[in-house]
PDB file of N, CA and C in Angstrom:
ATOM      1  N   MET A   1      84.164  91.634  74.915  1.00  0.00           N
ATOM      2  CA  MET A   1      85.671  92.325  74.188  1.00  0.00           C
ATOM      3  C   MET A   1      85.479  91.797  72.331  1.00  0.00           C
ATOM      4  N   ARG A   2      85.734  92.405  71.836  1.00  0.00           N
ATOM      5  CA  ARG A   2      86.146  92.279  70.885  1.00  0.00           C
ATOM      6  C   ARG A   2      86.915  92.001  69.765  1.00  0.00           C
ATOM      7  N   ALA A   3      86.594  90.970  68.619  1.00  0.00           N
ATOM      8  CA  ALA A   3      87.583  90.724  67.857  1.00  0.00           C
ATOM      9  C   ALA A   3      87.755  90.938  66.431  1.00  0.00           C
ATOM     10  N   HIS A   4      88.619  91.118  65.127  1.00  0.00           N
ATOM     11  CA  HIS A   4      88.689  90.713  63.761  1.00  0.00           C
ATOM     12  C   HIS A   4      88.846  89.212  63.142  1.00  0.00           C
ATOM     13  N   LEU A   5      87.651  89.091  61.854  1.00  0.00           N
ATOM     14  CA  LEU A   5      87.833  88.023  61.710  1.00  0.00           C
ATOM     15  C   LEU A   5      88.913  88.126  60.166  1.00  0.00           C
ATOM     16  N   VAL A   6      89.481  86.702  60.277  1.00  0.00           N
ATOM     17  CA  VAL A   6      90.854  87.130  59.950  1.00  0.00           C
ATOM     18  C   VAL A   6      91.160  85.431  58.573  1.00  0.00           C
ATOM     19  N   ARG A   7      90.785  86.385  57.123  1.00  0.00           N
ATOM     20  CA  ARG A   7      90.755  85.562  56.377  1.00  0.00           C
ATOM     21  C   ARG A   7      92.408  84.121  56.699  1.00  0.00           C
ATOM     22  N   ILE A   8      92.330  82.923  56.104  1.00  0.00           N
ATOM     23  CA  ILE A   8      92.566  81.798  56.224  1.00  0.00           C
ATOM     24  C   ILE A   8      92.048  80.998  55.659  1.00  0.00           C
ATOM     25  N   GLY A   9      92.903  81.150  54.254  1.00  0.00           N
ATOM     26  CA  GLY A   9      92.321  80.683  53.294  1.00  0.00           C
ATOM     27  C   GLY A   9      91.194  81.201  52.415  1.00  0.00           C
ATOM     28  N   ASN A  10      90.596  80.356  51.523  1.00  0.00           N
ATOM     29  CA  ASN A  10      88.767  79.980  51.855  1.00  0.00           C
ATOM     30  C   ASN A  10      87.722  80.574  52.951  1.00  0.00           C
ATOM     31  N   SER A  11      88.672  80.400  54.320  1.00  0.00           N
ATOM     32  CA  SER A  11      87.587  80.654  54.706  1.00  0.00           C
ATOM     33  C   SER A  11      88.158  82.299  56.401  1.00  0.00           C
ATOM     34  N   ARG A  12      87.371  81.574  56.956  1.00  0.00           N
ATOM     35  CA  ARG A  12      87.214  82.813  58.131  1.00  0.00           C
ATOM     36  C   ARG A  12      87.852  82.664  59.536  1.00  0.00           C
ATOM     37  N   GLY A  13      88.370  83.078  60.436  1.00  0.00           N
ATOM     38  CA  GLY A  13      89.136  82.767  61.759  1.00  0.00           C
ATOM     39  C   GLY A  13      88.897  83.777  62.434  1.00  0.00           C
ATOM     40  N   VAL A  14      89.454  83.700  63.958  1.00  0.00           N
ATOM     41  CA  VAL A  14      89.234  84.606  65.412  1.00  0.00           C
ATOM     42  C   VAL A  14      90.510  83.723  66.137  1.00  0.00           C
ATOM     43  N   ARG A  15      90.844  85.009  65.754  1.00  0.00           N
ATOM     44  CA  ARG A  15      92.133  85.190  66.774  1.00  0.00           C
ATOM     45  C   ARG A  15      92.188  84.910  68.079  1.00  0.00           C
ATOM     46  N   LEU A  16      91.623  83.897  69.805  1.00  0.00           N
ATOM     47  CA  LEU A  16      91.724  84.062  70.286  1.00  0.00           C
ATOM     48  C   LEU A  16      92.635  84.380  71.455  1.00  0.00           C
ATOM     49  N   PRO A  17      93.040  85.654  72.630  1.00  0.00           N
ATOM     50  CA  PRO A  17      93.885  85.653  73.148  1.00  0.00           C
ATOM     51  C   PRO A  17      93.695  84.698  74.136  1.00  0.00           C
ATOM     52  N   LYS A  18      95.427  84.109  75.044  1.00  0.00           N
ATOM     53  CA  LYS A  18      95.843  83.039  75.386  1.00  0.00           C
ATOM     54  C   LYS A  18      94.906  83.372  76.988  1.00  0.00           C
ATOM     55  N   PRO A  19      95.141  84.447  77.309  1.00  0.00           N
ATOM     56  CA  PRO A  19      94.600  83.753  78.985  1.00  0.00           C
ATOM     57  C   PRO A  19      92.173  83.459  78.548  1.00  0.00           C
ATOM     58  N   LEU A  20      91.589  83.606  77.588  1.00  0.00           N
ATOM     59  CA  LEU A  20      90.676  83.162  77.518  1.00  0.00           C
ATOM     60  C   LEU A  20      90.578  81.943  77.345  1.00  0.00           C
ATOM     61  N   ILE A  21      91.936  81.295  76.520  1.00  0.00           N
ATOM     62  CA  ILE A  21      91.555  79.855  76.318  1.00  0.00           C
ATOM     63  C   ILE A  21      91.409  79.636  77.344  1.00  0.00           C
ATOM     64  N   GLU A  22      93.226  79.586  78.016  1.00  0.00           N
ATOM     65  CA  GLU A  22      92.918  78.989  79.418  1.00  0.00           C
ATOM     66  C   GLU A  22      91.936  78.584  80.897  1.00  0.00           C
ATOM     67  N   GLN A  23      91.150  80.044  80.207  1.00  0.00           N
ATOM     68  CA  GLN A  23      90.094  80.199  81.352  1.00  0.00           C
ATOM     69  C   GLN A  23      88.917  79.814  81.101  1.00  0.00           C
ATOM     70  N   ALA A  24      88.434  79.313  79.378  1.00  0.00           N
ATOM     71  CA  ALA A  24      87.573  78.260  79.307  1.00  0.00           C
ATOM     72  C   ALA A  24      87.845  77.056  78.918  1.00  0.00           C
ATOM     73  N   GLY A  25      89.014  76.175  78.960  1.00  0.00           N
ATOM     74  CA  GLY A  25      89.826  74.829  79.666  1.00  0.00           C
ATOM     75  C   GLY A  25      89.484  74.279  78.147  1.00  0.00           C
ATOM     76  N   LEU A  26      90.262  75.586  77.307  1.00  0.00           N
ATOM     77  CA  LEU A  26      90.074  74.781  75.320  1.00  0.00           C
ATOM     78  C   LEU A  26      90.125  73.822  75.580  1.00  0.00           C
ATOM     79  N   THR A  27      91.035  73.933  74.673  1.00  0.00           N
ATOM     80  CA  THR A  27      92.069  72.088  73.844  1.00  0.00           C
ATOM     81  C   THR A  27      91.979  72.445  72.062  1.00  0.00           C
ATOM     82  N   ASP A  28      93.118  71.739  71.980  1.00  0.00           N
ATOM     83  CA  ASP A  28      92.977  71.316  71.128  1.00  0.00           C
ATOM     84  C   ASP A  28      91.466  71.379  69.478  1.00  0.00           C
ATOM     85  N   VAL A  29      90.992  70.833  70.090  1.00  0.00           N
ATOM     86  CA  VAL A  29      89.418  70.181  69.493  1.00  0.00           C
ATOM     87  C   VAL A  29      88.735  70.844  70.096  1.00  0.00           C
ATOM     88  N   VAL A  30      87.840  71.176  69.427  1.00  0.00           N
ATOM     89  CA  VAL A  30      86.506  72.665  70.101  1.00  0.00           C
ATOM     90  C   VAL A  30      85.139  71.924  69.894  1.00  0.00           C
ATOM     91  N   GLU A  31      84.849  72.472  70.547  1.00  0.00           N
ATOM     92  CA  GLU A  31      82.780  71.899  69.839  1.00  0.00           C
ATOM     93  C   GLU A  31      82.077  73.273  69.427  1.00  0.00           C
ATOM     94  N   LEU A  32      81.750  73.642  67.946  1.00  0.00           N
ATOM     95  CA  LEU A  32      81.067  74.631  68.168  1.00  0.00           C
ATOM     96  C   LEU A  32      79.538  74.634  67.278  1.00  0.00           C
ATOM     97  N   ILE A  33      78.830  75.701  68.491  1.00  0.00           N
ATOM     98  CA  ILE A  33      77.467  75.456  67.542  1.00  0.00           C
ATOM     99  C   ILE A  33      76.756  76.912  67.905  1.00  0.00           C
ATOM    100  N   VAL A  34      76.274  76.996  66.080  1.00  0.00           N
ATOM    101  CA  VAL A  34      75.330  77.882  65.743  1.00  0.00           C
ATOM    102  C   VAL A  34      74.227  78.176  66.290  1.00  0.00           C
ATOM    103  N   ARG A  35      73.573  79.208  68.093  1.00  0.00           N
ATOM    104  CA  ARG A  35      71.803  79.415  68.446  1.00  0.00           C
ATOM    105  C   ARG A  35      72.077  80.264  68.316  1.00  0.00           C
ATOM    106  N   GLU A  36      71.010  80.917  67.817  1.00  0.00           N
ATOM    107  CA  GLU A  36      70.340  82.127  67.097  1.00  0.00           C
ATOM    108  C   GLU A  36      71.100  83.091  67.253  1.00  0.00           C
ATOM    109  N   GLY A  37      71.860  83.341  66.174  1.00  0.00           N
ATOM    110  CA  GLY A  37      72.795  84.037  65.421  1.00  0.00           C
ATOM    111  C   GLY A  37      73.705  83.889  66.596  1.00  0.00           C
ATOM    112  N   ARG A  38      74.310  83.588  66.685  1.00  0.00           N
ATOM    113  CA  ARG A  38      75.231  83.195  67.779  1.00  0.00           C
ATOM    114  C   ARG A  38      76.214  81.959  67.499  1.00  0.00           C
ATOM    115  N   ILE A  39      77.580  82.243  67.378  1.00  0.00           N
ATOM    116  CA  ILE A  39      78.672  81.134  67.468  1.00  0.00           C
ATOM    117  C   ILE A  39      79.264  80.506  68.888  1.00  0.00           C
ATOM    118  N   ILE A  40      78.816  79.212  69.138  1.00  0.00           N
ATOM    119  CA  ILE A  40      79.159  79.215  70.544  1.00  0.00           C
ATOM    120  C   ILE A  40      80.498  78.227  70.925  1.00  0.00           C
ATOM    121  N   ILE A  41      82.056  78.525  70.742  1.00  0.00           N
ATOM    122  CA  ILE A  41      82.925  77.619  71.388  1.00  0.00           C
ATOM    123  C   ILE A  41      82.838  76.740  73.073  1.00  0.00           C
ATOM    124  N   SER A  42      83.587  76.237  72.245  1.00  0.00           N
ATOM    125  CA  SER A  42      82.938  75.601  73.966  1.00  0.00           C
ATOM    126  C   SER A  42      83.985  74.363  74.212  1.00  0.00           C
ATOM    127  N   ARG A  43      84.336  73.950  75.189  1.00  0.00           N
ATOM    128  CA  ARG A  43      85.685  72.133  75.204  1.00  0.00           C
ATOM    129  C   ARG A  43      85.398  71.643  75.084  1.00  0.00           C
ATOM    130  N   VAL A  44      85.125  70.247  74.210  1.00  0.00           N
ATOM    131  CA  VAL A  44      84.058  68.865  74.378  1.00  0.00           C
ATOM    132  C   VAL A  44      84.898  67.326  75.333  1.00  0.00           C
ATOM    133  N   SER A  45      83.936  67.525  75.514  1.00  0.00           N
ATOM    134  CA  SER A  45      83.718  66.763  77.094  1.00  0.00           C
ATOM    135  C   SER A  45      82.600  65.015  76.339  1.00  0.00           C
ATOM    136  N   SER A  46      83.514  64.517  77.091  1.00  0.00           N
ATOM    137  CA  SER A  46      83.002  63.058  76.613  1.00  0.00           C
ATOM    138  C   SER A  46      81.500  62.273  76.674  1.00  0.00           C
ATOM    139  N   ARG A  47      81.069  62.369  75.030  1.00  0.00           N
ATOM    140  CA  ARG A  47      79.262  61.917  75.560  1.00  0.00           C
ATOM    141  C   ARG A  47      78.985  61.189  76.610  1.00  0.00           C
ATOM    142  N   ARG A  48      80.152  60.586  77.357  1.00  0.00           N
ATOM    143  CA  ARG A  48      78.905  60.076  78.482  1.00  0.00           C
ATOM    144  C   ARG A  48      80.320  59.849  79.574  1.00  0.00           C
ATOM    145  N   ALA A  49      80.325  61.743  79.755  1.00  0.00           N
ATOM    146  CA  ALA A  49      81.189  62.010  80.530  1.00  0.00           C
ATOM    147  C   ALA A  49      80.139  62.050  81.769  1.00  0.00           C
ATOM    148  N   GLY A  50      80.041  61.371  83.165  1.00  0.00           N
ATOM    149  CA  GLY A  50      79.345  60.799  84.524  1.00  0.00           C
ATOM    150  C   GLY A  50      78.298  60.199  84.064  1.00  0.00           C
ATOM    151  N   TRP A  51      77.816  59.817  83.044  1.00  0.00           N
ATOM    152  CA  TRP A  51      77.010  58.456  83.070  1.00  0.00           C
ATOM    153  C   TRP A  51      77.480  57.346  84.118  1.00  0.00           C
ATOM    154  N   ALA A  52      78.845  57.190  84.637  1.00  0.00           N
ATOM    155  CA  ALA A  52      78.937  56.184  85.848  1.00  0.00           C
ATOM    156  C   ALA A  52      78.465  56.875  86.471  1.00  0.00           C
ATOM    157  N   GLU A  53      78.059  58.403  87.177  1.00  0.00           N
ATOM    158  CA  GLU A  53      78.191  58.443  87.572  1.00  0.00           C
ATOM    159  C   GLU A  53      76.647  58.167  88.590  1.00  0.00           C
ATOM    160  N   ALA A  54      76.050  58.317  87.334  1.00  0.00           N
ATOM    161  CA  ALA A  54      74.473  58.953  87.157  1.00  0.00           C
ATOM    162  C   ALA A  54      74.309  57.279  87.006  1.00  0.00           C
ATOM    163  N   ALA A  55      75.000  56.058  86.590  1.00  0.00           N
ATOM    164  CA  ALA A  55      74.033  55.023  86.546  1.00  0.00           C
ATOM    165  C   ALA A  55      74.412  55.066  88.559  1.00  0.00           C
ATOM    166  N   ALA A  56      75.589  55.344  89.771  1.00  0.00           N
ATOM    167  CA  ALA A  56      75.483  54.629  90.886  1.00  0.00           C
ATOM    168  C   ALA A  56      74.212  54.928  91.258  1.00  0.00           C
ATOM    169  N   ARG A  57      73.714  55.938  90.478  1.00  0.00           N
ATOM    170  CA  ARG A  57      72.766  57.359  91.468  1.00  0.00           C
ATOM    171  C   ARG A  57      71.589  56.914  91.975  1.00  0.00           C
ATOM    172  N   MET A  58      71.275  56.043  90.573  1.00  0.00           N
ATOM    173  CA  MET A  58      70.061  55.613  90.167  1.00  0.00           C
ATOM    174  C   MET A  58      69.921  53.891  90.733  1.00  0.00           C
ATOM    175  N   ARG A  59      71.213  53.869  90.349  1.00  0.00           N
ATOM    176  CA  ARG A  59      71.650  51.876  91.539  1.00  0.00           C
ATOM    177  C   ARG A  59      71.352  52.170  92.821  1.00  0.00           C
ATOM    178  N   ALA A  60      71.733  53.239  93.779  1.00  0.00           N
ATOM    179  CA  ALA A  60      71.227  53.634  95.158  1.00  0.00           C
ATOM    180  C   ALA A  60      69.941  53.504  95.183  1.00  0.00           C
ATOM    181  N   ARG A  61      68.988  54.288  94.538  1.00  0.00           N
ATOM    182  CA  ARG A  61      67.901  54.994  94.475  1.00  0.00           C
ATOM    183  C   ARG A  61      67.279  53.582  94.353  1.00  0.00           C
ATOM    184  N   GLY A  62      66.958  52.452  93.742  1.00  0.00           N
ATOM    185  CA  GLY A  62      67.356  50.874  93.342  1.00  0.00           C
ATOM    186  C   GLY A  62      65.947  51.457  91.683  1.00  0.00           C
ATOM    187  N   ALA A  63      66.411  52.372  91.690  1.00  0.00           N
ATOM    188  CA  ALA A  63      65.879  52.695  89.771  1.00  0.00           C
ATOM    189  C   ALA A  63      66.602  52.818  88.988  1.00  0.00           C
ATOM    190  N   ASP A  64      67.253  51.187  88.910  1.00  0.00           N
ATOM    191  CA  ASP A  64      67.949  51.276  87.323  1.00  0.00           C
ATOM    192  C   ASP A  64      67.458  49.590  87.067  1.00  0.00           C
ATOM    193  N   ARG A  65      66.163  49.442  86.818  1.00  0.00           N
ATOM    194  CA  ARG A  65      64.575  48.259  86.652  1.00  0.00           C
ATOM    195  C   ARG A  65      65.401  48.761  85.404  1.00  0.00           C
ATOM    196  N   LEU A  66      64.225  47.109  84.502  1.00  0.00           N
ATOM    197  CA  LEU A  66      63.807  47.610  83.396  1.00  0.00           C
ATOM    198  C   LEU A  66      63.038  48.487  83.222  1.00  0.00           C
ATOM    199  N   LEU A  67      62.591  48.464  82.025  1.00  0.00           N
ATOM    200  CA  LEU A  67      61.674  48.972  81.925  1.00  0.00           C
ATOM    201  C   LEU A  67      60.090  47.997  81.953  1.00  0.00           C
ATOM    202  N   ASP A  68      60.169  46.655  80.433  1.00  0.00           N
ATOM    203  CA  ASP A  68      60.051  45.859  80.434  1.00  0.00           C
ATOM    204  C   ASP A  68      59.975  44.947  80.889  1.00  0.00           C
ATOM    205  N   PRO A  69      59.320  44.083  81.445  1.00  0.00           N
ATOM    206  CA  PRO A  69      59.545  42.497  81.644  1.00  0.00           C
ATOM    207  C   PRO A  69      60.764  41.365  80.375  1.00  0.00           C
ATOM    208  N   PRO A  70      61.183  41.158  81.476  1.00  0.00           N
ATOM    209  CA  PRO A  70      62.562  40.397  80.289  1.00  0.00           C
ATOM    210  C   PRO A  70      60.851  39.016  79.108  1.00  0.00           C
ATOM    211  N   THR A  71      61.115  38.857  77.897  1.00  0.00           N
ATOM    212  CA  THR A  71      60.692  38.153  77.516  1.00  0.00           C
ATOM    213  C   THR A  71      61.421  37.177  76.221  1.00  0.00           C
ATOM    214  N   SER A  72      61.278  36.121  76.231  1.00  0.00           N
ATOM    215  CA  SER A  72      62.246  34.824  75.947  1.00  0.00           C
ATOM    216  C   SER A  72      61.967  35.192  74.329  1.00  0.00           C
ATOM    217  N   THR A  73      63.003  34.314  73.612  1.00  0.00           N
ATOM    218  CA  THR A  73      62.555  34.073  72.208  1.00  0.00           C
ATOM    219  C   THR A  73      63.414  32.688  71.436  1.00  0.00           C
ATOM    220  N   ARG A  74      63.611  32.221  71.060  1.00  0.00           N
ATOM    221  CA  ARG A  74      63.749  30.904  70.253  1.00  0.00           C
ATOM    222  C   ARG A  74      65.413  30.321  70.400  1.00  0.00           C
ATOM    223  N   PHE A  75      66.347  31.164  70.718  1.00  0.00           N
ATOM    224  CA  PHE A  75      67.277  31.538  71.157  1.00  0.00           C
ATOM    225  C   PHE A  75      67.478  31.083  72.731  1.00  0.00           C
ATOM    226  N   ASP A  76      66.552  31.857  72.853  1.00  0.00           N
ATOM    227  CA  ASP A  76      66.649  31.283  74.350  1.00  0.00           C
ATOM    228  C   ASP A  76      66.381  29.289  74.931  1.00  0.00           C
ATOM    229  N   ASN A  77      65.280  28.612  73.952  1.00  0.00           N
ATOM    230  CA  ASN A  77      64.830  27.527  74.287  1.00  0.00           C
ATOM    231  C   ASN A  77      65.295  26.555  73.550  1.00  0.00           C
ATOM    232  N   GLN A  78      65.909  26.502  73.360  1.00  0.00           N
ATOM    233  CA  GLN A  78      67.340  25.446  72.827  1.00  0.00           C
ATOM    234  C   GLN A  78      68.687  25.666  72.445  1.00  0.00           C
ATOM    235  N   GLU A  79      69.840  24.921  72.119  1.00  0.00           N
ATOM    236  CA  GLU A  79      70.966  25.085  73.405  1.00  0.00           C
ATOM    237  C   GLU A  79      71.736  25.353  71.887  1.00  0.00           C
ATOM    238  N   TRP A  80      72.553  26.052  72.077  1.00  0.00           N
ATOM    239  CA  TRP A  80      73.454  26.322  70.583  1.00  0.00           C
ATOM    240  C   TRP A  80      74.475  25.904  70.192  1.00  0.00           C
ATOM    241  N   GLU A  81      74.841  25.885  68.963  1.00  0.00           N
ATOM    242  CA  GLU A  81      76.234  25.356  69.445  1.00  0.00           C
ATOM    243  C   GLU A  81      77.216  25.633  68.412  1.00  0.00           C
ATOM    244  N   TRP A  82      77.795  26.178  69.181  1.00  0.00           N
ATOM    245  CA  TRP A  82      79.807  26.733  68.615  1.00  0.00           C
ATOM    246  C   TRP A  82      80.047  26.421  66.966  1.00  0.00           C
TER     247      TRP A  82
END
């Protein structure tokens, strides 16, 4: 599908047909990325989307362990006063 760039103040914009917006699942806020001479418009997803499921899978296979052994600091060896 071809579209024309339209002037919007000092910028330019593209009018997207409603069926394309619905098909892509776009909302009022989108992510824009320039890659190899192309502008990619995509829906915004939560930065942490899928983290809970990934953590559950790691836990299930026992891969949720610390990489380094815990080390104590002086704060571990003295009583704190609030």
